[in-house]
C-alpha atoms as a PDB file:
ATOM      1  CA  MET A   1     174.840  84.079-158.559  1.00  0.00           C
ATOM      2  CA  SER A   2     176.981  85.096-161.516  1.00  0.00           C
ATOM      3  CA  VAL A   3     175.437  85.504-165.254  1.00  0.00           C
ATOM      4  CA  SER A   4     177.624  81.965-165.468  1.00  0.00           C
ATOM      5  CA  GLU A   5     176.158  80.384-162.740  1.00  0.00           C
ATOM      6  CA  ASN A   6     172.397  82.036-163.525  1.00  0.00           C
ATOM      7  CA  LEU A   7     173.290  80.416-167.884  1.00  0.00           C
ATOM      8  CA  GLN A   8     174.033  76.731-166.094  1.00  0.00           C
ATOM      9  CA  GLN A   9     171.273  76.760-164.408  1.00  0.00           C
ATOM     10  CA  VAL A  10     169.147  77.783-167.374  1.00  0.00           C
ATOM     11  CA  GLN A  11     170.710  75.224-169.994  1.00  0.00           C
ATOM     12  CA  GLN A  12     169.651  72.449-167.223  1.00  0.00           C
ATOM     13  CA  ASP A  13     166.643  73.719-166.924  1.00  0.00           C
ATOM     14  CA  VAL A  14     166.654  73.785-171.006  1.00  0.00           C
ATOM     15  CA  ALA A  15     167.925  70.098-170.626  1.00  0.00           C
ATOM     16  CA  ALA A  16     165.699  68.851-168.068  1.00  0.00           C
ATOM     17  CA  LEU A  17     162.690  69.566-169.865  1.00  0.00           C
ATOM     18  CA  ALA A  18     163.853  68.316-173.329  1.00  0.00           C
ATOM     19  CA  GLN A  19     164.195  64.784-171.444  1.00  0.00           C
ATOM     20  CA  ARG A  20     160.905  64.835-169.621  1.00  0.00           C
ATOM     21  CA  PHE A  21     159.122  65.332-173.135  1.00  0.00           C
ATOM     22  CA  HIS A  22     160.977  62.516-174.748  1.00  0.00           C
ATOM     23  CA  ARG A  23     163.184  65.218-176.810  1.00  0.00           C
ATOM     24  CA  ALA A  24     167.678  64.947-176.942  1.00  0.00           C
ATOM     25  CA  PRO A  25     168.614  68.429-174.743  1.00  0.00           C
ATOM     26  CA  GLU A  26     170.597  69.338-178.082  1.00  0.00           C
ATOM     27  CA  SER A  27     167.192  70.034-180.265  1.00  0.00           C
ATOM     28  CA  VAL A  28     166.659  72.728-178.248  1.00  0.00           C
ATOM     29  CA  ARG A  29     168.719  75.762-178.723  1.00  0.00           C
ATOM     30  CA  LEU A  30     169.337  78.394-176.095  1.00  0.00           C
ATOM     31  CA  LEU A  31     168.521  81.760-176.957  1.00  0.00           C
ATOM     32  CA  ALA A  32     169.598  84.517-174.699  1.00  0.00           C
ATOM     33  CA  VAL A  33     168.383  87.722-174.708  1.00  0.00           C
ATOM     34  CA  SER A  34     170.470  90.339-174.002  1.00  0.00           C
ATOM     35  CA  LYS A  35     168.286  93.713-174.638  1.00  0.00           C
ATOM     36  CA  THR A  36     169.512  96.460-172.110  1.00  0.00           C
ATOM     37  CA  LYS A  37     172.378  94.372-170.832  1.00  0.00           C
ATOM     38  CA  PRO A  38     176.077  95.768-170.725  1.00  0.00           C
ATOM     39  CA  VAL A  39     178.850  94.088-172.852  1.00  0.00           C
ATOM     40  CA  ALA A  40     180.362  92.937-170.113  1.00  0.00           C
ATOM     41  CA  ASP A  41     177.391  90.807-169.451  1.00  0.00           C
ATOM     42  CA  LEU A  42     177.363  88.905-172.782  1.00  0.00           C
ATOM     43  CA  GLN A  43     181.828  88.380-172.507  1.00  0.00           C
ATOM     44  CA  ALA A  44     180.628  86.766-169.204  1.00  0.00           C
ATOM     45  CA  ALA A  45     177.976  84.137-171.056  1.00  0.00           C
ATOM     46  CA  TYR A  46     180.321  84.068-174.628  1.00  0.00           C
ATOM     47  CA  GLU A  47     182.755  82.443-171.586  1.00  0.00           C
ATOM     48  CA  ALA A  48     180.371  80.493-169.917  1.00  0.00           C
ATOM     49  CA  GLY A  49     179.983  78.999-173.633  1.00  0.00           C
ATOM     50  CA  GLN A  50     176.878  80.655-174.850  1.00  0.00           C
ATOM     51  CA  ARG A  51     176.744  81.770-178.504  1.00  0.00           C
ATOM     52  CA  LEU A  52     173.352  82.954-179.223  1.00  0.00           C
ATOM     53  CA  PHE A  53     172.717  86.566-178.314  1.00  0.00           C
ATOM     54  CA  GLY A  54     169.025  87.472-179.153  1.00  0.00           C
ATOM     55  CA  GLU A  55     169.091  91.711-179.280  1.00  0.00           C
ATOM     56  CA  ASN A  56     165.504  93.754-180.034  1.00  0.00           C
ATOM     57  CA  TYR A  57     166.893  97.426-180.623  1.00  0.00           C
ATOM     58  CA  VAL A  58     168.723  98.448-183.812  1.00  0.00           C
ATOM     59  CA  GLN A  59     171.251 100.530-182.211  1.00  0.00           C
ATOM     60  CA  GLU A  60     172.039  98.401-179.973  1.00  0.00           C
ATOM     61  CA  ALA A  61     172.264  95.259-181.456  1.00  0.00           C
ATOM     62  CA  VAL A  62     174.637  96.896-183.995  1.00  0.00           C
ATOM     63  CA  GLU A  63     177.167  98.639-181.309  1.00  0.00           C
ATOM     64  CA  LYS A  64     177.302  95.188-179.356  1.00  0.00           C
ATOM     65  CA  HIS A  65     178.154  93.447-182.803  1.00  0.00           C
ATOM     66  CA  GLN A  66     180.848  95.703-183.108  1.00  0.00           C
ATOM     67  CA  GLN A  67     181.996  96.048-179.757  1.00  0.00           C
ATOM     68  CA  LEU A  68     182.377  92.030-179.950  1.00  0.00           C
ATOM     69  CA  SER A  69     183.614  91.860-183.316  1.00  0.00           C
ATOM     70  CA  HIS A  70     186.671  89.789-182.411  1.00  0.00           C
ATOM     71  CA  LEU A  71     184.257  87.465-181.180  1.00  0.00           C
ATOM     72  CA  ASP A  72     183.276  86.118-184.398  1.00  0.00           C
ATOM     73  CA  ASP A  73     181.826  82.670-183.445  1.00  0.00           C
ATOM     74  CA  ILE A  74     178.902  84.536-181.932  1.00  0.00           C
ATOM     75  CA  GLU A  75     175.478  84.236-183.489  1.00  0.00           C
ATOM     76  CA  TRP A  76     173.734  87.204-183.478  1.00  0.00           C
ATOM     77  CA  HIS A  77     170.018  86.996-183.404  1.00  0.00           C
ATOM     78  CA  PHE A  78     167.268  90.047-183.565  1.00  0.00           C
ATOM     79  CA  ILE A  79     164.174  89.571-181.994  1.00  0.00           C
ATOM     80  CA  GLY A  80     162.391  92.750-182.144  1.00  0.00           C
ATOM     81  CA  PRO A  81     160.384  94.855-184.339  1.00  0.00           C
ATOM     82  CA  LEU A  82     162.130  96.308-187.163  1.00  0.00           C
ATOM     83  CA  GLN A  83     161.354  99.574-189.717  1.00  0.00           C
ATOM     84  CA  SER A  84     161.829  99.427-193.007  1.00  0.00           C
ATOM     85  CA  ASN A  85     164.671 102.563-192.703  1.00  0.00           C
ATOM     86  CA  LYS A  86     166.453 100.481-190.095  1.00  0.00           C
ATOM     87  CA  SER A  87     166.426  97.369-192.365  1.00  0.00           C
ATOM     88  CA  ARG A  88     170.102  98.287-193.803  1.00  0.00           C
ATOM     89  CA  GLN A  89     171.942  97.687-190.203  1.00  0.00           C
ATOM     90  CA  ILE A  90     170.442  94.644-189.784  1.00  0.00           C
ATOM     91  CA  ALA A  91     171.124  93.447-192.794  1.00  0.00           C
ATOM     92  CA  GLU A  92     174.860  93.878-192.878  1.00  0.00           C
ATOM     93  CA  THR A  93     175.314  92.878-188.930  1.00  0.00           C
ATOM     94  CA  MET A  94     172.859  90.068-188.320  1.00  0.00           C
ATOM     95  CA  ALA A  95     172.964  86.175-188.530  1.00  0.00           C
ATOM     96  CA  TRP A  96     169.517  85.762-188.212  1.00  0.00           C
ATOM     97  CA  VAL A  97     165.992  87.997-188.150  1.00  0.00           C
ATOM     98  CA  HIS A  98     163.057  86.190-186.256  1.00  0.00           C
ATOM     99  CA  THR A  99     160.435  89.199-187.364  1.00  0.00           C
ATOM    100  CA  ILE A 100     159.603  89.214-190.549  1.00  0.00           C
ATOM    101  CA  ASP A 101     155.520  89.913-191.478  1.00  0.00           C
ATOM    102  CA  ARG A 102     155.675  92.348-194.437  1.00  0.00           C
ATOM    103  CA  GLU A 103     157.083  92.281-197.756  1.00  0.00           C
ATOM    104  CA  LYS A 104     158.685  95.235-197.674  1.00  0.00           C
ATOM    105  CA  ILE A 105     161.090  94.249-194.725  1.00  0.00           C
ATOM    106  CA  ALA A 106     161.844  90.773-196.249  1.00  0.00           C
ATOM    107  CA  ARG A 107     162.557  92.507-199.819  1.00  0.00           C
ATOM    108  CA  ARG A 108     164.782  95.397-198.119  1.00  0.00           C
ATOM    109  CA  LEU A 109     167.041  92.753-196.352  1.00  0.00           C
ATOM    110  CA  SER A 110     167.372  90.516-199.199  1.00  0.00           C
ATOM    111  CA  GLU A 111     168.694  93.724-201.444  1.00  0.00           C
ATOM    112  CA  GLN A 112     170.575  94.882-198.422  1.00  0.00           C
ATOM    113  CA  ARG A 113     172.582  91.848-197.489  1.00  0.00           C
ATOM    114  CA  PRO A 114     176.132  92.162-197.888  1.00  0.00           C
ATOM    115  CA  ALA A 115     177.367  90.115-201.360  1.00  0.00           C
ATOM    116  CA  ASP A 116     180.280  88.562-198.644  1.00  0.00           C
ATOM    117  CA  LEU A 117     178.039  87.148-195.729  1.00  0.00           C
ATOM    118  CA  PRO A 118     175.648  84.029-195.979  1.00  0.00           C
ATOM    119  CA  PRO A 119     171.505  84.443-196.652  1.00  0.00           C
ATOM    120  CA  LEU A 120     170.476  86.482-193.749  1.00  0.00           C
ATOM    121  CA  ASN A 121     168.210  83.165-191.799  1.00  0.00           C
ATOM    122  CA  VAL A 122     165.096  84.406-191.520  1.00  0.00           C
ATOM    123  CA  LEU A 123     162.008  83.103-189.399  1.00  0.00           C
ATOM    124  CA  ILE A 124     158.573  84.385-190.232  1.00  0.00           C
ATOM    125  CA  GLN A 125     156.506  85.959-187.012  1.00  0.00           C
ATOM    126  CA  ILE A 126     153.108  84.337-186.637  1.00  0.00           C
ATOM    127  CA  ASN A 127     150.278  86.485-184.267  1.00  0.00           C
ATOM    128  CA  ILE A 128     149.128  82.993-182.799  1.00  0.00           C
ATOM    129  CA  SER A 129     146.645  85.082-180.342  1.00  0.00           C
ATOM    130  CA  ASP A 130     145.527  87.122-183.279  1.00  0.00           C
ATOM    131  CA  GLU A 131     146.190  90.657-180.749  1.00  0.00           C
ATOM    132  CA  ASP A 132     146.109  93.839-182.350  1.00  0.00           C
ATOM    133  CA  SER A 133     148.985  95.458-180.211  1.00  0.00           C
ATOM    134  CA  LYS A 134     151.355  92.376-181.626  1.00  0.00           C
ATOM    135  CA  SER A 135     153.159  92.178-184.730  1.00  0.00           C
ATOM    136  CA  GLY A 136     153.554  89.192-186.634  1.00  0.00           C
ATOM    137  CA  ILE A 137     150.790  87.579-189.835  1.00  0.00           C
ATOM    138  CA  SER A 138     147.970  84.877-189.618  1.00  0.00           C
ATOM    139  CA  LEU A 139     148.472  81.527-189.865  1.00  0.00           C
ATOM    140  CA  GLU A 140     145.759  81.641-192.681  1.00  0.00           C
ATOM    141  CA  GLN A 141     148.569  84.510-194.252  1.00  0.00           C
ATOM    142  CA  LEU A 142     151.256  81.981-193.972  1.00  0.00           C
ATOM    143  CA  PRO A 143     151.556  80.858-197.735  1.00  0.00           C
ATOM    144  CA  GLU A 144     151.979  83.798-198.788  1.00  0.00           C
ATOM    145  CA  MET A 145     154.529  85.305-196.968  1.00  0.00           C
ATOM    146  CA  VAL A 146     156.656  81.340-197.645  1.00  0.00           C
ATOM    147  CA  ALA A 147     156.429  82.070-201.263  1.00  0.00           C
ATOM    148  CA  LEU A 148     157.147  85.762-200.747  1.00  0.00           C
ATOM    149  CA  VAL A 149     160.389  84.470-198.900  1.00  0.00           C
ATOM    150  CA  SER A 150     161.238  81.932-200.290  1.00  0.00           C
ATOM    151  CA  SER A 151     161.634  83.327-203.783  1.00  0.00           C
ATOM    152  CA  LEU A 152     164.123  86.682-202.524  1.00  0.00           C
ATOM    153  CA  PRO A 153     168.027  85.577-202.819  1.00  0.00           C
ATOM    154  CA  ASN A 154     169.999  86.699-199.631  1.00  0.00           C
ATOM    155  CA  LEU A 155     167.355  85.224-197.711  1.00  0.00           C
ATOM    156  CA  ARG A 156     167.227  81.510-196.055  1.00  0.00           C
ATOM    157  CA  LEU A 157     163.678  80.779-194.737  1.00  0.00           C
ATOM    158  CA  ARG A 158     163.966  78.637-191.778  1.00  0.00           C
ATOM    159  CA  GLY A 159     160.945  78.227-189.746  1.00  0.00           C
ATOM    160  CA  LEU A 160     158.262  79.869-187.673  1.00  0.00           C
ATOM    161  CA  MET A 161     158.294  82.620-184.363  1.00  0.00           C
ATOM    162  CA  ALA A 162     155.825  83.532-182.605  1.00  0.00           C
ATOM    163  CA  ILE A 163     155.084  85.493-178.492  1.00  0.00           C
ATOM    164  CA  PRO A 164     151.567  84.547-177.600  1.00  0.00           C
ATOM    165  CA  ALA A 165     149.466  86.192-175.266  1.00  0.00           C
ATOM    166  CA  PRO A 166     149.815  85.071-171.900  1.00  0.00           C
ATOM    167  CA  GLN A 167     147.888  82.392-170.625  1.00  0.00           C
ATOM    168  CA  SER A 168     147.154  81.407-167.033  1.00  0.00           C
ATOM    169  CA  ASP A 169     148.080  77.267-166.930  1.00  0.00           C
ATOM    170  CA  TYR A 170     150.080  74.929-168.809  1.00  0.00           C
ATOM    171  CA  ALA A 171     147.394  73.403-170.796  1.00  0.00           C
ATOM    172  CA  SER A 172     146.456  76.568-172.129  1.00  0.00           C
ATOM    173  CA  GLN A 173     149.816  77.169-173.381  1.00  0.00           C
ATOM    174  CA  VAL A 174     149.803  74.398-175.225  1.00  0.00           C
ATOM    175  CA  ALA A 175     146.387  74.790-176.947  1.00  0.00           C
ATOM    176  CA  VAL A 176     147.780  77.889-178.035  1.00  0.00           C
ATOM    177  CA  TYR A 177     151.033  76.496-179.563  1.00  0.00           C
ATOM    178  CA  GLU A 178     149.510  73.433-181.247  1.00  0.00           C
ATOM    179  CA  PRO A 179     147.964  75.198-184.109  1.00  0.00           C
ATOM    180  CA  LEU A 180     151.983  76.803-184.982  1.00  0.00           C
ATOM    181  CA  PHE A 181     153.772  73.348-184.119  1.00  0.00           C
ATOM    182  CA  GLU A 182     151.253  71.786-187.117  1.00  0.00           C
ATOM    183  CA  ALA A 183     151.856  74.813-189.073  1.00  0.00           C
ATOM    184  CA  TYR A 184     155.514  74.315-188.394  1.00  0.00           C
ATOM    185  CA  LYS A 185     155.601  70.439-189.457  1.00  0.00           C
ATOM    186  CA  ALA A 186     153.423  71.068-192.331  1.00  0.00           C
ATOM    187  CA  LEU A 187     156.656  73.803-193.578  1.00  0.00           C
ATOM    188  CA  GLN A 188     159.207  71.171-193.225  1.00  0.00           C
ATOM    189  CA  ALA A 189     157.594  68.808-195.435  1.00  0.00           C
ATOM    190  CA  GLN A 190     157.706  71.740-198.181  1.00  0.00           C
ATOM    191  CA  GLN A 191     161.069  72.503-197.661  1.00  0.00           C
ATOM    192  CA  THR A 192     164.616  71.130-196.673  1.00  0.00           C
ATOM    193  CA  ASP A 193     165.942  73.906-194.796  1.00  0.00           C
ATOM    194  CA  ILE A 194     163.272  74.220-191.948  1.00  0.00           C
ATOM    195  CA  ASP A 195     164.552  73.539-188.746  1.00  0.00           C
ATOM    196  CA  THR A 196     163.675  76.407-186.284  1.00  0.00           C
ATOM    197  CA  LEU A 197     160.248  76.560-183.840  1.00  0.00           C
ATOM    198  CA  SER A 198     160.816  79.796-181.541  1.00  0.00           C
ATOM    199  CA  ILE A 199     158.748  79.647-178.994  1.00  0.00           C
ATOM    200  CA  GLY A 200     159.045  79.856-175.460  1.00  0.00           C
ATOM    201  CA  MET A 201     160.270  82.512-172.762  1.00  0.00           C
ATOM    202  CA  SER A 202     161.108  82.245-169.135  1.00  0.00           C
ATOM    203  CA  ASN A 203     156.834  81.968-168.034  1.00  0.00           C
ATOM    204  CA  ASP A 204     156.390  79.642-170.564  1.00  0.00           C
ATOM    205  CA  LEU A 205     159.201  77.106-171.345  1.00  0.00           C
ATOM    206  CA  ALA A 206     157.429  73.668-170.498  1.00  0.00           C
ATOM    207  CA  ALA A 207     154.411  74.253-172.818  1.00  0.00           C
ATOM    208  CA  ALA A 208     156.890  75.398-175.863  1.00  0.00           C
ATOM    209  CA  ILE A 209     159.287  72.421-175.369  1.00  0.00           C
ATOM    210  CA  ALA A 210     156.624  70.450-175.176  1.00  0.00           C
ATOM    211  CA  SER A 211     155.396  71.621-178.317  1.00  0.00           C
ATOM    212  CA  GLY A 212     158.179  71.215-180.364  1.00  0.00           C
ATOM    213  CA  SER A 213     159.943  74.177-179.702  1.00  0.00           C
ATOM    214  CA  THR A 214     163.658  74.257-181.035  1.00  0.00           C
ATOM    215  CA  MET A 215     164.855  77.636-179.605  1.00  0.00           C
ATOM    216  CA  VAL A 216     163.767  78.963-176.580  1.00  0.00           C
ATOM    217  CA  ARG A 217     164.231  82.803-175.742  1.00  0.00           C
ATOM    218  CA  VAL A 218     165.844  83.158-172.477  1.00  0.00           C
ATOM    219  CA  GLY A 219     166.653  86.514-170.510  1.00  0.00           C
ATOM    220  CA  THR A 220     166.361  87.583-167.349  1.00  0.00           C
ATOM    221  CA  ALA A 221     167.055  84.432-165.889  1.00  0.00           C
ATOM    222  CA  ILE A 222     170.423  84.526-167.507  1.00  0.00           C
ATOM    223  CA  PHE A 223     171.181  88.555-166.815  1.00  0.00           C
ATOM    224  CA  GLY A 224     169.150  89.422-164.161  1.00  0.00           C
ATOM    225  CA  ALA A 225     165.978  92.007-164.559  1.00  0.00           C
ATOM    226  CA  ARG A 226     166.095  94.580-166.987  1.00  0.00           C
ATOM    227  CA  ASP A 227     167.835  98.004-165.982  1.00  0.00           C
ATOM    228  CA  TYR A 228     164.979 100.033-167.631  1.00  0.00           C
ATOM    229  CA  SER A 229     166.883 103.547-167.024  1.00  0.00           C
ATOM    230  CA  ALA A 230     169.572 102.096-169.666  1.00  0.00           C
END
């Protein structure tokens, strides 16, 4: 199947899951994870109507941003770990960063955001499964990070992101997401801009959408298997 056919199938799957859990289909946005994929594939997805693209690697994200700069309505999301020495490149090119979990990174992104661009939309990454190998802060650290990010003039806090440890079944997936959704709702009650819960990938779409996801991140189902030689 082509990229456009795959994209249509994923869109239908997401809409069907939203309806299954009594949600409006438009309440769940689809982020096409395009890491390691050629620009031609992104162009094909764009021509099929996709506008949100997620990249994990700084150099690749910047290069694709440049190569597709003529498509000015693409919404670029950086969803990978970010080192402080590369923060300027992301601040200058991306519309969203999903992986805020350190004060230094947050401050640098705000300081380096160009004055002619709107504030950078950011999500705080939560290490919901408390994994040593994963980035993100604990839910206990969230109030402090919220206060910090909210104080930075060139960042706009939009919500939370998480990548939980794999679970063996749907019920376990939902159980992991429950405290994250509660934290998200509490944050929404405090701040008017909070509207994004970025959870859910191909292996847990149903649980994520049942648990209140407003943005799901799907790559392989749209673009095919990753090319690890890239």
